[in-house]
Amino acid sequence: MKKTTLLFLLLTYCLLVAAQPVAGVATASGATAQVVRDGERERINTERARLDPGFTAENIACYKKFLTNKCLAEVKVRRDAVMADFRRQEISMDQQERKEKGAEQIRKTEEKFSAEKQQEAADKRAIALQDNEARLEREKQKIADRASMRSNEKSNMDAAAKRLKDSQQKIADRASMRSSEKSNMDAAANRLKDSQQKADGRKSKQATSAEEVRKFNERLEKAKKRQARYERDLAGQTKPPANSLPKP
């Protein structure tokens, strides 16, 4: 019995000594990964600070263009894509960090547990890992949903820009049509004016001709009256009448 107890204690001591260097390696590896992640976060922040003024300048430039809304939308799509990629990297590092911290916490917790509770700890670890995987999947799905939403927004903006362009083209076509109609109406008005002027000219000529006919008839009537008076006077004389005047 004593030999068995001594052997068990010796085996436990050997396991603890063997596990100690592994824990040290894991800790060193985790520290190195954390340094790398901190460096990546600093790089991302630097890139974000460098690119953001450029997008702001592009937005300001859009207000000088004809299709301002379309220009702003295109800049927004590109900025959102860049910023979403930065955010994706940050989320990935945060998830990896949480995963490593969770694993480290589990490792520390396991070291405190007795041999009888190892199975229970393993079950909890499995559940924790499953929960973490499910959380990662949800994060991925959210990123995919946001990307799909941005794609739909871009499609809607493109469709709206096309409708605006078509509407502007229709307005231009109607303006051109109205201009053509006005030219046709002006030409028709000029032709009508010319016709009226010609008709007025013909009426004036007709009026002048009628006046000349009336005057001619008056002169003819006067000549007839003079001829009749002359014949009456001639018939009242004893001398034979002279030859009559020729009729006009």
C-alpha atoms as a PDB file:
ATOM      1  CA  MET A   1       0.000   0.000   0.000  1.00  0.00           C
ATOM      2  CA  LYS A   2       2.783   2.399   0.870  1.00  0.00           C
ATOM      3  CA  LYS A   3       4.626   1.518  -2.326  1.00  0.00           C
ATOM      4  CA  THR A   4       1.499   2.181  -4.356  1.00  0.00           C
ATOM      5  CA  THR A   5       0.943   5.585  -2.729  1.00  0.00           C
ATOM      6  CA  LEU A   6       4.592   6.534  -3.213  1.00  0.00           C
ATOM      7  CA  LEU A   7       4.454   5.496  -6.847  1.00  0.00           C
ATOM      8  CA  PHE A   8       1.312   7.581  -7.414  1.00  0.00           C
ATOM      9  CA  LEU A   9       2.890  10.684  -5.835  1.00  0.00           C
ATOM     10  CA  LEU A  10       6.049  10.228  -7.900  1.00  0.00           C
ATOM     11  CA  LEU A  11       4.042   9.903 -11.098  1.00  0.00           C
ATOM     12  CA  THR A  12       2.053  13.017 -10.271  1.00  0.00           C
ATOM     13  CA  TYR A  13       5.245  14.984  -9.604  1.00  0.00           C
ATOM     14  CA  CYS A  14       6.732  13.857 -12.933  1.00  0.00           C
ATOM     15  CA  LEU A  15       3.611  14.938 -14.805  1.00  0.00           C
ATOM     16  CA  LEU A  16       3.691  18.373 -13.179  1.00  0.00           C
ATOM     17  CA  VAL A  17       7.383  18.830 -14.027  1.00  0.00           C
ATOM     18  CA  ALA A  18       6.806  17.703 -17.611  1.00  0.00           C
ATOM     19  CA  ALA A  19       3.853  20.064 -18.035  1.00  0.00           C
ATOM     20  CA  GLN A  20       5.734  23.101 -16.715  1.00  0.00           C
ATOM     21  CA  PRO A  21       7.907  23.771 -19.829  1.00  0.00           C
ATOM     22  CA  VAL A  22       4.891  23.355 -22.121  1.00  0.00           C
ATOM     23  CA  ALA A  23       3.002  26.025 -20.217  1.00  0.00           C
ATOM     24  CA  GLY A  24       6.003  28.324 -20.511  1.00  0.00           C
ATOM     25  CA  VAL A  25       6.178  27.778 -24.268  1.00  0.00           C
ATOM     26  CA  ALA A  26       2.456  28.410 -24.631  1.00  0.00           C
ATOM     27  CA  THR A  27       2.780  31.630 -22.642  1.00  0.00           C
ATOM     28  CA  ALA A  28       5.736  32.786 -24.735  1.00  0.00           C
ATOM     29  CA  SER A  29       3.876  31.971 -27.955  1.00  0.00           C
ATOM     30  CA  GLY A  30       0.820  33.871 -26.754  1.00  0.00           C
ATOM     31  CA  ALA A  31       2.935  36.910 -25.851  1.00  0.00           C
ATOM     32  CA  THR A  32       4.594  36.881 -29.290  1.00  0.00           C
ATOM     33  CA  ALA A  33       1.191  36.673 -31.021  1.00  0.00           C
ATOM     34  CA  GLN A  34      -0.061  39.571 -28.905  1.00  0.00           C
ATOM     35  CA  VAL A  35       2.928  41.703 -29.931  1.00  0.00           C
ATOM     36  CA  VAL A  36       2.203  40.890 -33.581  1.00  0.00           C
ATOM     37  CA  ARG A  37      -1.466  41.781 -33.156  1.00  0.00           C
ATOM     38  CA  ASP A  38      -0.613  45.065 -31.452  1.00  0.00           C
ATOM     39  CA  GLY A  39       1.675  45.888 -34.357  1.00  0.00           C
ATOM     40  CA  GLU A  40      -1.114  45.061 -36.844  1.00  0.00           C
ATOM     41  CA  ARG A  41      -3.579  47.227 -34.938  1.00  0.00           C
ATOM     42  CA  GLU A  42      -1.132  50.120 -35.022  1.00  0.00           C
ATOM     43  CA  ARG A  43      -0.607  49.597 -38.759  1.00  0.00           C
ATOM     44  CA  ILE A  44      -4.361  49.545 -39.376  1.00  0.00           C
ATOM     45  CA  ASN A  45      -4.882  52.726 -37.359  1.00  0.00           C
ATOM     46  CA  THR A  46      -2.063  54.410 -39.285  1.00  0.00           C
ATOM     47  CA  GLU A  47      -3.531  53.343 -42.639  1.00  0.00           C
ATOM     48  CA  ARG A  48      -6.998  54.463 -41.596  1.00  0.00           C
ATOM     49  CA  ALA A  49      -5.675  57.870 -40.519  1.00  0.00           C
ATOM     50  CA  ARG A  50      -3.756  58.151 -43.785  1.00  0.00           C
ATOM     51  CA  LEU A  51      -6.637  57.215 -46.109  1.00  0.00           C
ATOM     52  CA  ASP A  52      -9.513  59.008 -44.373  1.00  0.00           C
ATOM     53  CA  PRO A  53      -8.403  62.558 -45.378  1.00  0.00           C
ATOM     54  CA  GLY A  54      -8.165  61.376 -48.975  1.00  0.00           C
ATOM     55  CA  PHE A  55     -11.767  60.201 -48.942  1.00  0.00           C
ATOM     56  CA  THR A  56     -12.779  63.491 -47.331  1.00  0.00           C
ATOM     57  CA  ALA A  57     -11.026  65.393 -50.120  1.00  0.00           C
ATOM     58  CA  GLU A  58     -12.811  63.260 -52.715  1.00  0.00           C
ATOM     59  CA  ASN A  59     -16.157  64.052 -51.081  1.00  0.00           C
ATOM     60  CA  ILE A  60     -15.376  67.782 -51.259  1.00  0.00           C
ATOM     61  CA  ALA A  61     -14.402  67.412 -54.927  1.00  0.00           C
ATOM     62  CA  CYS A  62     -17.732  65.711 -55.658  1.00  0.00           C
ATOM     63  CA  TYR A  63     -19.605  68.944 -54.903  1.00  0.00           C
ATOM     64  CA  LYS A  64     -17.888  70.521 -57.914  1.00  0.00           C
ATOM     65  CA  LYS A  65     -19.206  67.844 -60.277  1.00  0.00           C
ATOM     66  CA  PHE A  66     -22.537  67.671 -62.103  1.00  0.00           C
ATOM     67  CA  LEU A  67     -23.611  64.257 -60.697  1.00  0.00           C
ATOM     68  CA  THR A  68     -22.771  65.085 -57.088  1.00  0.00           C
ATOM     69  CA  ASN A  69     -24.865  62.353 -55.461  1.00  0.00           C
ATOM     70  CA  LYS A  70     -23.472  59.637 -57.701  1.00  0.00           C
ATOM     71  CA  CYS A  71     -19.907  60.786 -57.039  1.00  0.00           C
ATOM     72  CA  LEU A  72     -20.509  60.848 -53.276  1.00  0.00           C
ATOM     73  CA  ALA A  73     -22.066  57.388 -53.418  1.00  0.00           C
ATOM     74  CA  GLU A  74     -19.076  55.960 -55.300  1.00  0.00           C
ATOM     75  CA  VAL A  75     -16.635  57.478 -52.804  1.00  0.00           C
ATOM     76  CA  LYS A  76     -18.747  56.086 -49.939  1.00  0.00           C
ATOM     77  CA  VAL A  77     -18.736  52.590 -51.445  1.00  0.00           C
ATOM     78  CA  ARG A  78     -14.944  52.620 -51.809  1.00  0.00           C
ATOM     79  CA  ARG A  79     -14.428  54.091 -48.329  1.00  0.00           C
ATOM     80  CA  ASP A  80     -16.811  51.584 -46.753  1.00  0.00           C
ATOM     81  CA  ALA A  81     -15.016  48.719 -48.523  1.00  0.00           C
ATOM     82  CA  VAL A  82     -11.614  49.860 -47.234  1.00  0.00           C
ATOM     83  CA  MET A  83     -12.874  50.547 -43.721  1.00  0.00           C
ATOM     84  CA  ALA A  84     -14.778  47.242 -43.686  1.00  0.00           C
ATOM     85  CA  ASP A  85     -11.582  45.402 -44.597  1.00  0.00           C
ATOM     86  CA  PHE A  86      -9.756  47.139 -41.738  1.00  0.00           C
ATOM     87  CA  ARG A  87     -12.613  46.244 -39.410  1.00  0.00           C
ATOM     88  CA  ARG A  88     -12.580  42.661 -40.633  1.00  0.00           C
ATOM     89  CA  GLN A  89      -8.890  42.397 -39.766  1.00  0.00           C
ATOM     90  CA  GLU A  90      -9.490  43.895 -36.354  1.00  0.00           C
ATOM     91  CA  ILE A  91     -12.411  41.546 -35.686  1.00  0.00           C
ATOM     92  CA  SER A  92     -10.274  38.590 -36.768  1.00  0.00           C
ATOM     93  CA  MET A  93      -7.481  39.632 -34.386  1.00  0.00           C
ATOM     94  CA  ASP A  94      -9.992  40.246 -31.577  1.00  0.00           C
ATOM     95  CA  GLN A  95     -11.502  36.825 -32.136  1.00  0.00           C
ATOM     96  CA  GLN A  96      -8.079  35.163 -32.147  1.00  0.00           C
ATOM     97  CA  GLU A  97      -7.119  37.062 -29.006  1.00  0.00           C
ATOM     98  CA  ARG A  98     -10.320  36.022 -27.263  1.00  0.00           C
ATOM     99  CA  LYS A  99      -9.756  32.468 -28.398  1.00  0.00           C
ATOM    100  CA  GLU A 100      -6.199  32.457 -27.029  1.00  0.00           C
ATOM    101  CA  LYS A 101      -7.281  34.094 -23.784  1.00  0.00           C
ATOM    102  CA  GLY A 102     -10.065  31.569 -23.483  1.00  0.00           C
ATOM    103  CA  ALA A 103      -7.642  28.725 -24.101  1.00  0.00           C
ATOM    104  CA  GLU A 104      -5.198  30.200 -21.593  1.00  0.00           C
ATOM    105  CA  GLN A 105      -7.919  30.568 -19.004  1.00  0.00           C
ATOM    106  CA  ILE A 106      -9.037  27.029 -19.642  1.00  0.00           C
ATOM    107  CA  ARG A 107      -5.448  25.816 -19.304  1.00  0.00           C
ATOM    108  CA  LYS A 108      -5.012  27.618 -16.005  1.00  0.00           C
ATOM    109  CA  THR A 109      -8.301  26.323 -14.792  1.00  0.00           C
ATOM    110  CA  GLU A 110      -7.412  22.774 -15.795  1.00  0.00           C
ATOM    111  CA  GLU A 111      -4.191  22.982 -13.810  1.00  0.00           C
ATOM    112  CA  LYS A 112      -6.238  23.695 -10.691  1.00  0.00           C
ATOM    113  CA  PHE A 113      -8.648  20.839 -11.227  1.00  0.00           C
ATOM    114  CA  SER A 114      -8.120  17.417  -9.752  1.00  0.00           C
ATOM    115  CA  ALA A 115      -7.953  14.314 -11.912  1.00  0.00           C
ATOM    116  CA  GLU A 116     -11.578  13.462 -11.058  1.00  0.00           C
ATOM    117  CA  LYS A 117     -12.838  16.705 -12.677  1.00  0.00           C
ATOM    118  CA  GLN A 118     -10.833  16.526 -15.897  1.00  0.00           C
ATOM    119  CA  GLN A 119     -13.747  15.094 -17.847  1.00  0.00           C
ATOM    120  CA  GLU A 120     -16.096  17.807 -16.620  1.00  0.00           C
ATOM    121  CA  ALA A 121     -13.543  20.462 -17.567  1.00  0.00           C
ATOM    122  CA  ALA A 122     -13.143  18.876 -20.995  1.00  0.00           C
ATOM    123  CA  ASP A 123     -16.887  18.991 -21.515  1.00  0.00           C
ATOM    124  CA  LYS A 124     -17.028  22.628 -20.500  1.00  0.00           C
ATOM    125  CA  ARG A 125     -14.090  23.395 -22.752  1.00  0.00           C
ATOM    126  CA  ALA A 126     -15.837  21.719 -25.645  1.00  0.00           C
ATOM    127  CA  ILE A 127     -18.981  23.759 -24.980  1.00  0.00           C
ATOM    128  CA  ALA A 128     -16.929  26.943 -24.698  1.00  0.00           C
ATOM    129  CA  LEU A 129     -15.188  26.158 -27.962  1.00  0.00           C
ATOM    130  CA  GLN A 130     -18.524  25.455 -29.607  1.00  0.00           C
ATOM    131  CA  ASP A 131     -19.919  28.732 -28.303  1.00  0.00           C
ATOM    132  CA  ASN A 132     -16.836  30.541 -29.554  1.00  0.00           C
ATOM    133  CA  GLU A 133     -17.166  28.902 -32.973  1.00  0.00           C
ATOM    134  CA  ALA A 134     -20.844  29.839 -33.077  1.00  0.00           C
ATOM    135  CA  ARG A 135     -19.953  33.423 -32.151  1.00  0.00           C
ATOM    136  CA  LEU A 136     -17.331  33.490 -34.890  1.00  0.00           C
ATOM    137  CA  GLU A 137     -19.874  32.195 -37.379  1.00  0.00           C
ATOM    138  CA  ARG A 138     -22.330  34.877 -36.315  1.00  0.00           C
ATOM    139  CA  GLU A 139     -19.646  37.530 -36.754  1.00  0.00           C
ATOM    140  CA  LYS A 140     -18.819  36.172 -40.207  1.00  0.00           C
ATOM    141  CA  GLN A 141     -22.505  36.153 -41.124  1.00  0.00           C
ATOM    142  CA  LYS A 142     -22.871  39.756 -39.970  1.00  0.00           C
ATOM    143  CA  ILE A 143     -19.890  40.769 -42.100  1.00  0.00           C
ATOM    144  CA  ALA A 144     -21.359  38.907 -45.082  1.00  0.00           C
ATOM    145  CA  ASP A 145     -24.757  40.547 -44.510  1.00  0.00           C
ATOM    146  CA  ARG A 146     -23.190  44.003 -44.353  1.00  0.00           C
ATOM    147  CA  ALA A 147     -21.244  43.295 -47.545  1.00  0.00           C
ATOM    148  CA  SER A 148     -24.442  42.130 -49.253  1.00  0.00           C
ATOM    149  CA  MET A 149     -26.263  45.213 -48.011  1.00  0.00           C
ATOM    150  CA  ARG A 150     -23.515  47.478 -49.379  1.00  0.00           C
ATOM    151  CA  SER A 151     -23.711  45.638 -52.699  1.00  0.00           C
ATOM    152  CA  ASN A 152     -27.482  46.135 -52.796  1.00  0.00           C
ATOM    153  CA  GLU A 153     -27.077  49.798 -51.902  1.00  0.00           C
ATOM    154  CA  LYS A 154     -24.578  50.216 -54.741  1.00  0.00           C
ATOM    155  CA  SER A 155     -26.979  48.491 -57.154  1.00  0.00           C
ATOM    156  CA  ASN A 156     -29.815  50.733 -55.993  1.00  0.00           C
ATOM    157  CA  MET A 157     -27.652  53.841 -56.352  1.00  0.00           C
ATOM    158  CA  ASP A 158     -26.578  52.758 -59.842  1.00  0.00           C
ATOM    159  CA  ALA A 159     -30.223  52.185 -60.771  1.00  0.00           C
ATOM    160  CA  ALA A 160     -31.167  55.599 -59.336  1.00  0.00           C
ATOM    161  CA  ALA A 161     -28.314  57.246 -61.270  1.00  0.00           C
ATOM    162  CA  LYS A 162     -29.528  55.546 -64.473  1.00  0.00           C
ATOM    163  CA  ARG A 163     -33.088  56.725 -63.837  1.00  0.00           C
ATOM    164  CA  LEU A 164     -31.806  60.251 -63.244  1.00  0.00           C
ATOM    165  CA  LYS A 165     -29.787  60.131 -66.466  1.00  0.00           C
ATOM    166  CA  ASP A 166     -32.804  58.811 -68.409  1.00  0.00           C
ATOM    167  CA  SER A 167     -34.998  61.517 -66.905  1.00  0.00           C
ATOM    168  CA  GLN A 168     -32.491  64.208 -67.860  1.00  0.00           C
ATOM    169  CA  GLN A 169     -32.326  62.785 -71.381  1.00  0.00           C
ATOM    170  CA  LYS A 170     -36.137  62.843 -71.636  1.00  0.00           C
ATOM    171  CA  ILE A 171     -36.180  66.446 -70.454  1.00  0.00           C
ATOM    172  CA  ALA A 172     -33.540  67.340 -73.055  1.00  0.00           C
ATOM    173  CA  ASP A 173     -35.528  65.514 -75.751  1.00  0.00           C
ATOM    174  CA  ARG A 174     -38.724  67.324 -74.788  1.00  0.00           C
ATOM    175  CA  ALA A 175     -36.877  70.648 -74.808  1.00  0.00           C
ATOM    176  CA  SER A 176     -35.498  69.854 -78.271  1.00  0.00           C
ATOM    177  CA  MET A 177     -38.984  68.837 -79.436  1.00  0.00           C
ATOM    178  CA  ARG A 178     -40.491  72.046 -78.085  1.00  0.00           C
ATOM    179  CA  SER A 179     -37.766  74.045 -79.813  1.00  0.00           C
ATOM    180  CA  SER A 180     -38.503  72.235 -83.092  1.00  0.00           C
ATOM    181  CA  GLU A 181     -42.246  72.780 -82.622  1.00  0.00           C
ATOM    182  CA  LYS A 182     -41.657  76.484 -81.965  1.00  0.00           C
ATOM    183  CA  SER A 183     -39.571  76.733 -85.152  1.00  0.00           C
ATOM    184  CA  ASN A 184     -42.344  75.015 -87.114  1.00  0.00           C
ATOM    185  CA  MET A 185     -44.969  77.293 -85.562  1.00  0.00           C
ATOM    186  CA  ASP A 186     -42.851  80.362 -86.362  1.00  0.00           C
ATOM    187  CA  ALA A 187     -42.457  79.181 -89.959  1.00  0.00           C
ATOM    188  CA  ALA A 188     -46.217  78.536 -90.219  1.00  0.00           C
ATOM    189  CA  ALA A 189     -46.909  81.974 -88.738  1.00  0.00           C
ATOM    190  CA  ASN A 190     -44.580  83.567 -91.299  1.00  0.00           C
ATOM    191  CA  ARG A 191     -46.318  81.688 -94.131  1.00  0.00           C
ATOM    192  CA  LEU A 192     -49.724  82.779 -92.804  1.00  0.00           C
ATOM    193  CA  LYS A 193     -48.495  86.364 -92.555  1.00  0.00           C
ATOM    194  CA  ASP A 194     -47.215  86.222 -96.141  1.00  0.00           C
ATOM    195  CA  SER A 195     -50.551  84.763 -97.291  1.00  0.00           C
ATOM    196  CA  GLN A 196     -52.446  87.514 -95.469  1.00  0.00           C
ATOM    197  CA  GLN A 197     -50.199  90.146 -97.007  1.00  0.00           C
ATOM    198  CA  LYS A 198     -50.782  88.665-100.477  1.00  0.00           C
ATOM    199  CA  ALA A 199     -54.537  88.500 -99.829  1.00  0.00           C
ATOM    200  CA  ASP A 200     -54.500  92.125 -98.632  1.00  0.00           C
ATOM    201  CA  GLY A 201     -52.584  93.047-101.796  1.00  0.00           C
ATOM    202  CA  ARG A 202     -55.146  91.297-103.990  1.00  0.00           C
ATOM    203  CA  LYS A 203     -58.024  92.979-102.098  1.00  0.00           C
ATOM    204  CA  SER A 204     -56.315  96.336-102.541  1.00  0.00           C
ATOM    205  CA  LYS A 205     -55.889  95.715-106.273  1.00  0.00           C
ATOM    206  CA  GLN A 206     -59.487  94.580-106.572  1.00  0.00           C
ATOM    207  CA  ALA A 207     -60.684  97.673-104.713  1.00  0.00           C
ATOM    208  CA  THR A 208     -58.580  99.888-106.986  1.00  0.00           C
ATOM    209  CA  SER A 209     -59.955  98.129-110.101  1.00  0.00           C
ATOM    210  CA  ALA A 210     -63.567  98.505-108.897  1.00  0.00           C
ATOM    211  CA  GLU A 211     -63.005 102.217-108.258  1.00  0.00           C
ATOM    212  CA  GLU A 212     -61.603 102.648-111.777  1.00  0.00           C
ATOM    213  CA  VAL A 213     -64.625 100.808-113.279  1.00  0.00           C
ATOM    214  CA  ARG A 214     -66.997 103.037-111.301  1.00  0.00           C
ATOM    215  CA  LYS A 215     -65.252 106.191-112.494  1.00  0.00           C
ATOM    216  CA  PHE A 216     -65.272 104.908-116.053  1.00  0.00           C
ATOM    217  CA  ASN A 217     -69.014 104.193-115.860  1.00  0.00           C
ATOM    218  CA  GLU A 218     -69.616 107.679-114.469  1.00  0.00           C
ATOM    219  CA  ARG A 219     -67.687 109.246-117.354  1.00  0.00           C
ATOM    220  CA  LEU A 220     -69.577 107.072-119.839  1.00  0.00           C
ATOM    221  CA  GLU A 221     -72.920 108.062-118.350  1.00  0.00           C
ATOM    222  CA  LYS A 222     -72.002 111.723-118.499  1.00  0.00           C
ATOM    223  CA  ALA A 223     -70.963 111.332-122.139  1.00  0.00           C
ATOM    224  CA  LYS A 224     -74.296 109.675-122.965  1.00  0.00           C
ATOM    225  CA  LYS A 225     -76.188 112.497-121.290  1.00  0.00           C
ATOM    226  CA  ARG A 226     -74.226 115.094-123.225  1.00  0.00           C
ATOM    227  CA  GLN A 227     -74.919 113.193-126.451  1.00  0.00           C
ATOM    228  CA  ALA A 228     -78.646 113.034-125.725  1.00  0.00           C
ATOM    229  CA  ARG A 229     -78.799 116.745-124.867  1.00  0.00           C
ATOM    230  CA  TYR A 230     -76.929 117.609-127.968  1.00  0.00           C
ATOM    231  CA  GLU A 231     -79.331 115.600-130.138  1.00  0.00           C
ATOM    232  CA  ARG A 232     -82.361 117.287-128.541  1.00  0.00           C
ATOM    233  CA  ASP A 233     -80.879 120.706-129.151  1.00  0.00           C
ATOM    234  CA  LEU A 234     -80.082 119.773-132.708  1.00  0.00           C
ATOM    235  CA  ALA A 235     -83.595 118.500-133.414  1.00  0.00           C
ATOM    236  CA  GLY A 236     -85.089 121.851-132.249  1.00  0.00           C
ATOM    237  CA  GLN A 237     -83.161 123.870-134.857  1.00  0.00           C
ATOM    238  CA  THR A 238     -84.450 124.577-138.473  1.00  0.00           C
ATOM    239  CA  LYS A 239     -81.168 123.939-140.096  1.00  0.00           C
ATOM    240  CA  PRO A 240     -80.356 120.436-140.819  1.00  0.00           C
ATOM    241  CA  PRO A 241     -78.477 118.903-138.061  1.00  0.00           C
ATOM    242  CA  ALA A 242     -74.821 118.502-138.259  1.00  0.00           C
ATOM    243  CA  ASN A 243     -73.225 115.163-138.056  1.00  0.00           C
ATOM    244  CA  SER A 244     -73.354 113.745-134.552  1.00  0.00           C
ATOM    245  CA  LEU A 245     -70.268 113.378-132.510  1.00  0.00           C
ATOM    246  CA  PRO A 246     -68.707 110.005-132.504  1.00  0.00           C
ATOM    247  CA  LYS A 247     -69.656 107.881-129.585  1.00  0.00           C
ATOM    248  CA  PRO A 248     -66.933 107.416-127.109  1.00  0.00           C
END
